[in-house]
Amino acid sequence: MTKRKPTIKQLYKSRYEANLVDIANKLEADLWQNIGSYPRIDTIKCRAKSIERFCVKARKENNGIKKYSDPINQIQDQIGARIVTFYLDDVDKIARKIEKYYRPVEKQKIIPDSDNKFGYEERHYVLFLPVATLPNLNGGDFPVFFELQITTLFQHAWSEAEHDLNYKPNIPIDRENKRKIAFTAAQAWGADNIFNELFSSTKPKKKNK
């Protein structure tokens, strides 16, 4: 009798339970050790992507064609980390600290694709996992990189709600709902900028010699 090939869900479930949760916990501790002394960090969180959300992402299609031909090896955010800071000005400073301690595979600044749109702005990295977080260098089933996002409090709150809506099939993202999402994004964008300006205005001014 021919042995059945394991499904994507079975493969990922095995990886998730054996290694991903443990790696995420170790990575979170590593990030706190290296970056946590920065004064205006609200949270540093790492997570292993849930089995349900991995399977949803693995099934994604573009124009009827599967987005991932090999999800286990192609999906980059199986280990995800997020650093949330108070103000926009802190994002670049934290990014420089990240590049001091971790080796990037790729990095980008994600911004809305049009000046008349508001959306999720963030600093995004794919980074190699530190050796100390890996369970077994001589073998084992785990990715070698993780995804990191650096955001402000307002970016984080907006993106979490928007992301959750995308995983709720009973809430159609029609034109009216897209307008509502754009409205809340604009409010988050405005709050982010105003609080950043207020923070900048309270900084002690350097005296000219």
Foldseek 3Di string as FASTA:
>chain_A
DDDDDDDPLVVVVVQCVPALAQLQVVVQVVCCVQQVVPDFWDDKGKDFDDSVVLVVLQQDDDPPHGPDPPSLQPDAARIEMEIEGAAPVCQVVSVVSCVVPWAFPDWDWDADPDPPFFDQTWTKTKTFRDPVSGDDPVDDRDDGIHIYIYYYPLSVVLVVVVVVLVVDPVDDCDPVNVVVSRVSRVVSVVVRVVVNVVVVVPDDDDDDD
